């Protein structure tokens, strides 16, 4: 069982930066692929970024490529999302999630592949 808690959301101006953090419980966290998703107001939850268990393989949605960076610190059971050059269209509730797969070398981009979810953190970007 893995429990996830996001933090770091808030209000930012367009062009600014925020860093989201996801704290995970469970001793096997270091072997789970992780991801970030977001749900804009009135829209479905969408993929943002993914990372394999070691941090050596990454993937991003086209809408955030070059602006966002996902990373992880397995020793501290944390996953991060550094968000730079924020745009108003980045406004959403951001969720971290974990895939219930032990090890492997893959990252995952489909929300149906993720078993564990945090409660979400609100990010609002003003123009």
Foldseek 3Di string as FASTA:
>chain_A
DKAKAKDFADEAAQQAKIKMKIAMDDLQLLFWKKFKWWAAPPGDIFGAKIAGSPRPDIDGDPVQPPFWDWGDDSVRRMIMIIGGNDDQVVWTWMKMFTAPDGHDHDIDGDPVRTDYIYPTDTHGYHD
